């Protein structure tokens, strides 16, 4: 799901923080129905801003937005 939703980025090119935040958030979106979608996305973005690079928050938000829309279909 992450690879499919991240344009021009393969998993091995992503920063470790970005990749692992995406993995955690996608797991929550797919397998934790008790966690609202908005909460999973916001937590991942906030963690990305705190522990990632300057643009991690925006990158994580964009990829997770696409993943969430694919899961809704």
N, C-alpha and C. Protein backbone atom coordinates (compact mmCIF):
# COMPACT_ATOMS: atom_id res chain seq x y z
N UNK A 1 0.83 -1.20 0.00
CA UNK A 1 0.00 0.00 0.00
C UNK A 1 0.87 1.27 0.00
N UNK A 2 1.94 1.23 0.78
CA UNK A 2 2.80 2.40 0.86
C UNK A 2 3.50 2.64 -0.48
N UNK A 3 4.07 1.61 -1.04
CA UNK A 3 4.76 1.73 -2.33
C UNK A 3 3.80 2.23 -3.41
N UNK A 4 2.60 1.71 -3.42
CA UNK A 4 1.60 2.09 -4.41
C UNK A 4 1.18 3.55 -4.25
N UNK A 5 1.19 4.06 -3.02
CA UNK A 5 0.69 5.40 -2.74
C UNK A 5 1.75 6.48 -2.77
N UNK A 6 3.01 6.10 -2.82
CA UNK A 6 4.09 7.10 -2.82
C UNK A 6 4.67 7.21 -4.23
N UNK A 7 4.32 8.29 -4.90
CA UNK A 7 4.78 8.51 -6.27
C UNK A 7 6.27 8.83 -6.27
N UNK A 8 6.99 8.18 -7.16
CA UNK A 8 8.41 8.43 -7.36
C UNK A 8 9.28 8.11 -6.15
N UNK A 9 8.76 7.36 -5.20
CA UNK A 9 9.53 6.97 -4.02
C UNK A 9 9.39 5.48 -3.80
N UNK A 10 10.49 4.79 -3.78
CA UNK A 10 10.45 3.37 -3.42
C UNK A 10 10.76 3.28 -1.93
N UNK A 11 10.41 2.18 -1.33
CA UNK A 11 10.59 2.04 0.11
C UNK A 11 12.04 2.19 0.53
N UNK A 12 12.97 1.66 -0.25
CA UNK A 12 14.37 1.72 0.15
C UNK A 12 14.94 3.14 0.05
N UNK A 13 14.30 4.04 -0.69
CA UNK A 13 14.76 5.43 -0.78
C UNK A 13 14.24 6.30 0.35
N UNK A 14 13.19 5.85 1.03
CA UNK A 14 12.60 6.65 2.11
C UNK A 14 13.50 6.64 3.34
N UNK A 15 13.45 7.73 4.08
CA UNK A 15 14.16 7.78 5.35
C UNK A 15 13.55 6.76 6.30
N UNK A 16 14.35 6.21 7.18
CA UNK A 16 13.87 5.18 8.12
C UNK A 16 12.69 5.68 8.94
N UNK A 17 12.77 6.90 9.42
CA UNK A 17 11.68 7.45 10.23
C UNK A 17 10.40 7.52 9.42
N UNK A 18 10.49 8.04 8.21
CA UNK A 18 9.31 8.17 7.34
C UNK A 18 8.69 6.80 7.06
N UNK A 19 9.54 5.87 6.66
CA UNK A 19 9.06 4.53 6.29
C UNK A 19 8.38 3.84 7.47
N UNK A 20 8.97 3.93 8.64
CA UNK A 20 8.39 3.24 9.79
C UNK A 20 7.14 3.93 10.32
N UNK A 21 7.07 5.24 10.24
CA UNK A 21 5.83 5.93 10.60
C UNK A 21 4.70 5.53 9.65
N UNK A 22 5.02 5.43 8.37
CA UNK A 22 4.02 5.01 7.40
C UNK A 22 3.56 3.58 7.67
N UNK A 23 4.48 2.71 7.99
CA UNK A 23 4.11 1.32 8.28
C UNK A 23 3.18 1.25 9.48
N UNK A 24 3.50 1.97 10.52
CA UNK A 24 2.68 1.95 11.72
C UNK A 24 1.28 2.52 11.44
N UNK A 25 1.23 3.64 10.76
CA UNK A 25 -0.07 4.27 10.48
C UNK A 25 -0.92 3.42 9.54
N UNK A 26 -0.30 2.80 8.53
CA UNK A 26 -1.06 1.95 7.62
C UNK A 26 -1.60 0.73 8.37
N UNK A 27 -0.82 0.19 9.27
CA UNK A 27 -1.31 -0.92 10.09
C UNK A 27 -2.54 -0.48 10.89
N UNK A 28 -2.46 0.70 11.50
CA UNK A 28 -3.61 1.21 12.27
C UNK A 28 -4.82 1.41 11.38
N UNK A 29 -4.61 1.94 10.18
CA UNK A 29 -5.73 2.16 9.27
C UNK A 29 -6.37 0.85 8.82
N UNK A 30 -5.54 -0.16 8.61
CA UNK A 30 -6.06 -1.42 8.08
C UNK A 30 -6.63 -2.36 9.14
N UNK A 31 -6.01 -2.41 10.32
CA UNK A 31 -6.34 -3.47 11.27
C UNK A 31 -6.82 -3.00 12.64
N UNK A 32 -6.97 -1.70 12.84
CA UNK A 32 -7.42 -1.18 14.14
C UNK A 32 -8.66 -0.32 13.94
N UNK A 33 -9.81 -0.95 13.83
CA UNK A 33 -11.02 -0.16 13.58
C UNK A 33 -11.40 0.76 14.75
N UNK A 34 -10.84 0.50 15.93
CA UNK A 34 -11.14 1.35 17.09
C UNK A 34 -10.38 2.67 17.06
N UNK A 35 -9.39 2.80 16.17
CA UNK A 35 -8.64 4.05 16.03
C UNK A 35 -9.21 4.81 14.84
N UNK A 36 -9.76 6.00 15.08
CA UNK A 36 -10.30 6.78 13.96
C UNK A 36 -9.21 7.13 12.95
N UNK A 37 -9.60 7.19 11.68
CA UNK A 37 -8.67 7.48 10.60
C UNK A 37 -7.92 8.79 10.84
N UNK A 38 -8.65 9.79 11.25
CA UNK A 38 -8.06 11.11 11.47
C UNK A 38 -7.00 11.08 12.57
N UNK A 39 -7.24 10.29 13.61
CA UNK A 39 -6.27 10.19 14.71
C UNK A 39 -5.00 9.50 14.24
N UNK A 40 -5.12 8.43 13.48
CA UNK A 40 -3.95 7.71 12.97
C UNK A 40 -3.10 8.63 12.08
N UNK A 41 -3.75 9.38 11.22
CA UNK A 41 -3.02 10.29 10.34
C UNK A 41 -2.35 11.42 11.12
N UNK A 42 -3.08 12.04 12.03
CA UNK A 42 -2.53 13.16 12.80
C UNK A 42 -1.36 12.73 13.68
N UNK A 43 -1.46 11.56 14.30
CA UNK A 43 -0.36 11.08 15.14
C UNK A 43 0.89 10.82 14.31
N UNK A 44 0.73 10.22 13.15
CA UNK A 44 1.89 9.95 12.29
C UNK A 44 2.54 11.25 11.82
N UNK A 45 1.73 12.22 11.45
CA UNK A 45 2.26 13.51 11.00
C UNK A 45 2.98 14.22 12.15
N UNK A 46 2.38 14.22 13.32
CA UNK A 46 3.02 14.86 14.49
C UNK A 46 4.34 14.20 14.84
N UNK A 47 4.38 12.87 14.82
CA UNK A 47 5.63 12.17 15.10
C UNK A 47 6.67 12.45 14.01
N UNK A 48 6.22 12.56 12.78
CA UNK A 48 7.13 12.89 11.69
C UNK A 48 7.74 14.27 11.85
N UNK A 49 6.94 15.24 12.27
CA UNK A 49 7.44 16.58 12.50
C UNK A 49 8.45 16.61 13.64
N UNK A 50 8.22 15.78 14.65
CA UNK A 50 9.10 15.78 15.82
C UNK A 50 10.41 15.03 15.56
N UNK A 51 10.33 13.87 14.91
CA UNK A 51 11.50 13.01 14.78
C UNK A 51 12.10 12.93 13.38
N UNK A 52 11.40 13.45 12.40
CA UNK A 52 11.88 13.33 11.02
C UNK A 52 12.54 14.59 10.52
N UNK A 53 12.74 14.62 9.23
CA UNK A 53 13.33 15.78 8.57
C UNK A 53 12.29 16.90 8.47
N UNK A 54 12.71 18.00 7.90
CA UNK A 54 11.84 19.17 7.81
C UNK A 54 10.55 18.90 7.03
N UNK A 55 10.65 18.09 5.98
CA UNK A 55 9.48 17.84 5.14
C UNK A 55 8.79 16.50 5.42
N UNK A 56 9.17 15.83 6.49
CA UNK A 56 8.58 14.52 6.80
C UNK A 56 7.08 14.61 7.04
N UNK A 57 6.64 15.61 7.77
CA UNK A 57 5.22 15.74 8.07
C UNK A 57 4.36 15.81 6.82
N UNK A 58 4.79 16.64 5.88
CA UNK A 58 4.03 16.78 4.63
C UNK A 58 4.08 15.50 3.80
N UNK A 59 5.25 14.85 3.75
CA UNK A 59 5.38 13.62 2.98
C UNK A 59 4.49 12.52 3.56
N UNK A 60 4.56 12.33 4.87
CA UNK A 60 3.75 11.30 5.54
C UNK A 60 2.27 11.59 5.35
N UNK A 61 1.88 12.84 5.48
CA UNK A 61 0.48 13.21 5.31
C UNK A 61 0.00 12.89 3.90
N UNK A 62 0.79 13.21 2.89
CA UNK A 62 0.38 12.95 1.52
C UNK A 62 0.23 11.47 1.21
N UNK A 63 1.20 10.68 1.66
CA UNK A 63 1.15 9.24 1.39
C UNK A 63 -0.02 8.61 2.14
N UNK A 64 -0.19 8.97 3.41
CA UNK A 64 -1.28 8.38 4.19
C UNK A 64 -2.64 8.80 3.68
N UNK A 65 -2.74 9.99 3.15
CA UNK A 65 -4.01 10.43 2.56
C UNK A 65 -4.38 9.54 1.37
N UNK A 66 -3.40 9.20 0.55
CA UNK A 66 -3.66 8.31 -0.59
C UNK A 66 -3.99 6.90 -0.12
N UNK A 67 -3.27 6.42 0.89
CA UNK A 67 -3.55 5.08 1.43
C UNK A 67 -4.98 5.03 1.96
N UNK A 68 -5.36 6.04 2.73
CA UNK A 68 -6.71 6.07 3.32
C UNK A 68 -7.78 6.09 2.23
N UNK A 69 -7.54 6.83 1.17
CA UNK A 69 -8.54 6.86 0.09
C UNK A 69 -8.61 5.51 -0.63
N UNK A 70 -7.49 4.83 -0.79
CA UNK A 70 -7.51 3.49 -1.39
C UNK A 70 -8.26 2.49 -0.51
N UNK A 71 -8.09 2.62 0.79
CA UNK A 71 -8.76 1.69 1.72
C UNK A 71 -10.27 1.94 1.78
N UNK A 72 -10.70 3.15 1.52
CA UNK A 72 -12.13 3.45 1.54
C UNK A 72 -12.85 2.85 0.35
N UNK A 73 -12.13 2.60 -0.73
CA UNK A 73 -12.76 2.07 -1.95
C UNK A 73 -13.09 0.61 -1.82
